[in-house]
C-alpha cells in the first residue's frame, strides 16, 4: 500500500472516533435537558391526555421553535394528536392532528 494513503486512513479513523464521541455526548446532554423542566413527564402526559380525552402513546422532551416542550402523542379513537405541553407551567400549548409516522430516513414506518 502506498505510504500516502496511511495518513488519509488515520485521519478518517480519527474523525470517525471524534464524531462518535461527540454524538454520544450530545445525546447524553439532550437527555439531561429534562432536569430543567418544572413539571414531571407524568404531569405532562396527564395534561395532554386530559386535553384530548385519549391515551398517550409517546412522549419526548424536545425543542420546538427554540423553546423546550414536552411533545406528547395522544391516541383518541382512530386519530393521533400531537400535543405540546409547557415544561414550566404544565399548560397545553398546542394540539394538532399528527401526520402518519415516518422513520428516521423519511420513509413511512411499516
C-alpha atoms as a PDB file:
ATOM      1  CA  UNK A   1       0.000   0.000   0.000  1.00  0.00           C
ATOM      2  CA  UNK A   2       1.258   3.495  -0.769  1.00  0.00           C
ATOM      3  CA  UNK A   3       2.573   5.454   2.235  1.00  0.00           C
ATOM      4  CA  UNK A   4       0.486   8.500   1.237  1.00  0.00           C
ATOM      5  CA  UNK A   5      -2.700   6.522   1.828  1.00  0.00           C
ATOM      6  CA  UNK A   6      -1.910   5.841   5.506  1.00  0.00           C
ATOM      7  CA  UNK A   7      -2.343   9.468   6.682  1.00  0.00           C
ATOM      8  CA  UNK A   8      -5.721   9.607   4.924  1.00  0.00           C
ATOM      9  CA  UNK A   9      -6.851   6.388   6.617  1.00  0.00           C
ATOM     10  CA  UNK A  10      -5.648   7.613  10.022  1.00  0.00           C
ATOM     11  CA  UNK A  11      -7.384  10.966   9.570  1.00  0.00           C
ATOM     12  CA  UNK A  12     -10.622   9.236   8.566  1.00  0.00           C
ATOM     13  CA  UNK A  13     -10.487   6.911  11.576  1.00  0.00           C
ATOM     14  CA  UNK A  14      -9.745   9.818  13.927  1.00  0.00           C
ATOM     15  CA  UNK A  15     -12.683  11.818  12.539  1.00  0.00           C
ATOM     16  CA  UNK A  16     -14.983   8.821  12.987  1.00  0.00           C
ATOM     17  CA  UNK A  17     -13.945   8.312  16.602  1.00  0.00           C
ATOM     18  CA  UNK A  18     -14.269  12.020  17.432  1.00  0.00           C
ATOM     19  CA  UNK A  19     -17.687  12.365  15.784  1.00  0.00           C
ATOM     20  CA  UNK A  20     -18.922   9.226  17.576  1.00  0.00           C
ATOM     21  CA  UNK A  21     -17.777  10.606  20.926  1.00  0.00           C
ATOM     22  CA  UNK A  22     -19.451  13.953  20.162  1.00  0.00           C
ATOM     23  CA  UNK A  23     -22.716  12.232  19.198  1.00  0.00           C
ATOM     24  CA  UNK A  24     -22.723  10.247  22.433  1.00  0.00           C
ATOM     25  CA  UNK A  25     -22.083  13.425  24.426  1.00  0.00           C
ATOM     26  CA  UNK A  26     -24.853  15.291  22.584  1.00  0.00           C
ATOM     27  CA  UNK A  27     -27.376  12.508  23.200  1.00  0.00           C
ATOM     28  CA  UNK A  28     -26.449  12.446  26.859  1.00  0.00           C
ATOM     29  CA  UNK A  29     -26.875  16.216  27.134  1.00  0.00           C
ATOM     30  CA  UNK A  30     -30.251  16.052  25.362  1.00  0.00           C
ATOM     31  CA  UNK A  31     -31.478  13.553  27.929  1.00  0.00           C
ATOM     32  CA  UNK A  32     -30.217  15.700  30.794  1.00  0.00           C
ATOM     33  CA  UNK A  33     -32.101  18.746  29.483  1.00  0.00           C
ATOM     34  CA  UNK A  34     -35.305  17.447  31.096  1.00  0.00           C
ATOM     35  CA  UNK A  35     -33.861  18.364  34.509  1.00  0.00           C
ATOM     36  CA  UNK A  36     -34.735  21.980  33.639  1.00  0.00           C
ATOM     37  CA  UNK A  37     -38.461  21.172  33.473  1.00  0.00           C
ATOM     38  CA  UNK A  38     -40.565  22.297  36.437  1.00  0.00           C
ATOM     39  CA  UNK A  39     -43.205  19.617  35.848  1.00  0.00           C
ATOM     40  CA  UNK A  40     -42.643  15.887  35.535  1.00  0.00           C
ATOM     41  CA  UNK A  41     -43.082  13.783  32.441  1.00  0.00           C
ATOM     42  CA  UNK A  42     -46.081  12.175  34.159  1.00  0.00           C
ATOM     43  CA  UNK A  43     -47.724  15.575  34.696  1.00  0.00           C
ATOM     44  CA  UNK A  44     -47.164  16.495  31.041  1.00  0.00           C
ATOM     45  CA  UNK A  45     -48.784  13.230  29.921  1.00  0.00           C
ATOM     46  CA  UNK A  46     -51.755  13.807  32.255  1.00  0.00           C
ATOM     47  CA  UNK A  47     -52.288  17.343  30.890  1.00  0.00           C
ATOM     48  CA  UNK A  48     -52.173  16.109  27.277  1.00  0.00           C
ATOM     49  CA  UNK A  49     -54.496  13.155  27.927  1.00  0.00           C
ATOM     50  CA  UNK A  50     -56.987  15.397  29.735  1.00  0.00           C
ATOM     51  CA  UNK A  51     -56.930  17.973  26.908  1.00  0.00           C
ATOM     52  CA  UNK A  52     -57.603  15.370  24.193  1.00  0.00           C
ATOM     53  CA  UNK A  53     -59.566  12.780  26.156  1.00  0.00           C
ATOM     54  CA  UNK A  54     -57.360   9.929  24.979  1.00  0.00           C
ATOM     55  CA  UNK A  55     -54.312   7.841  25.947  1.00  0.00           C
ATOM     56  CA  UNK A  56     -50.682   8.880  25.490  1.00  0.00           C
ATOM     57  CA  UNK A  57     -48.579   6.567  23.350  1.00  0.00           C
ATOM     58  CA  UNK A  58     -45.313   8.503  23.192  1.00  0.00           C
ATOM     59  CA  UNK A  59     -43.678  11.465  24.902  1.00  0.00           C
ATOM     60  CA  UNK A  60     -40.437  13.338  24.249  1.00  0.00           C
ATOM     61  CA  UNK A  61     -38.764  16.347  25.799  1.00  0.00           C
ATOM     62  CA  UNK A  62     -37.506  18.459  22.933  1.00  0.00           C
ATOM     63  CA  UNK A  63     -37.079  21.929  21.495  1.00  0.00           C
ATOM     64  CA  UNK A  64     -39.858  23.351  19.339  1.00  0.00           C
ATOM     65  CA  UNK A  65     -39.265  26.751  17.741  1.00  0.00           C
ATOM     66  CA  UNK A  66     -36.331  27.227  20.107  1.00  0.00           C
ATOM     67  CA  UNK A  67     -38.354  26.542  23.258  1.00  0.00           C
ATOM     68  CA  UNK A  68     -38.312  23.372  25.365  1.00  0.00           C
ATOM     69  CA  UNK A  69     -41.586  21.408  25.329  1.00  0.00           C
ATOM     70  CA  UNK A  70     -42.968  18.019  26.186  1.00  0.00           C
ATOM     71  CA  UNK A  71     -44.222  16.569  22.881  1.00  0.00           C
ATOM     72  CA  UNK A  72     -46.926  14.020  23.696  1.00  0.00           C
ATOM     73  CA  UNK A  73     -48.686  11.816  21.136  1.00  0.00           C
ATOM     74  CA  UNK A  74     -52.213  11.059  22.308  1.00  0.00           C
ATOM     75  CA  UNK A  75     -54.469   8.477  20.666  1.00  0.00           C
ATOM     76  CA  UNK A  76     -58.233   9.022  20.648  1.00  0.00           C
ATOM     77  CA  UNK A  77     -60.252   6.632  18.557  1.00  0.00           C
ATOM     78  CA  UNK A  78     -58.532   6.350  15.192  1.00  0.00           C
ATOM     79  CA  UNK A  79     -56.748   9.700  15.358  1.00  0.00           C
ATOM     80  CA  UNK A  80     -53.410  10.655  16.854  1.00  0.00           C
ATOM     81  CA  UNK A  81     -52.877  14.121  18.236  1.00  0.00           C
ATOM     82  CA  UNK A  82     -49.512  15.805  18.703  1.00  0.00           C
ATOM     83  CA  UNK A  83     -49.770  17.800  21.935  1.00  0.00           C
ATOM     84  CA  UNK A  84     -47.147  20.321  23.074  1.00  0.00           C
ATOM     85  CA  UNK A  85     -47.027  20.919  26.845  1.00  0.00           C
ATOM     86  CA  UNK A  86     -45.122  23.760  28.514  1.00  0.00           C
ATOM     87  CA  UNK A  87     -42.477  22.205  30.824  1.00  0.00           C
ATOM     88  CA  UNK A  88     -42.692  25.150  33.222  1.00  0.00           C
ATOM     89  CA  UNK A  89     -46.437  25.671  33.681  1.00  0.00           C
ATOM     90  CA  UNK A  90     -47.901  22.352  32.514  1.00  0.00           C
ATOM     91  CA  UNK A  91     -50.270  24.177  30.159  1.00  0.00           C
ATOM     92  CA  UNK A  92     -51.101  22.706  26.768  1.00  0.00           C
ATOM     93  CA  UNK A  93     -49.559  24.986  24.151  1.00  0.00           C
ATOM     94  CA  UNK A  94     -50.973  23.295  21.054  1.00  0.00           C
ATOM     95  CA  UNK A  95     -52.780  20.188  19.894  1.00  0.00           C
ATOM     96  CA  UNK A  96     -52.782  19.221  16.225  1.00  0.00           C
ATOM     97  CA  UNK A  97     -53.575  16.022  14.391  1.00  0.00           C
ATOM     98  CA  UNK A  98     -50.379  14.045  13.801  1.00  0.00           C
ATOM     99  CA  UNK A  99     -49.419  13.043  10.287  1.00  0.00           C
ATOM    100  CA  UNK A 100     -48.569   9.374   9.551  1.00  0.00           C
ATOM    101  CA  UNK A 101     -45.378   8.302  11.351  1.00  0.00           C
ATOM    102  CA  UNK A 102     -42.169   8.245   9.374  1.00  0.00           C
ATOM    103  CA  UNK A 103     -38.933   6.565  10.368  1.00  0.00           C
ATOM    104  CA  UNK A 104     -35.617   8.433  10.617  1.00  0.00           C
ATOM    105  CA  UNK A 105     -34.946   8.028   6.881  1.00  0.00           C
ATOM    106  CA  UNK A 106     -38.183   9.797   5.944  1.00  0.00           C
ATOM    107  CA  UNK A 107     -39.878   6.611   4.762  1.00  0.00           C
ATOM    108  CA  UNK A 108     -43.234   5.572   6.145  1.00  0.00           C
ATOM    109  CA  UNK A 109     -42.910   3.130   9.024  1.00  0.00           C
ATOM    110  CA  UNK A 110     -44.023  -0.447   8.434  1.00  0.00           C
END
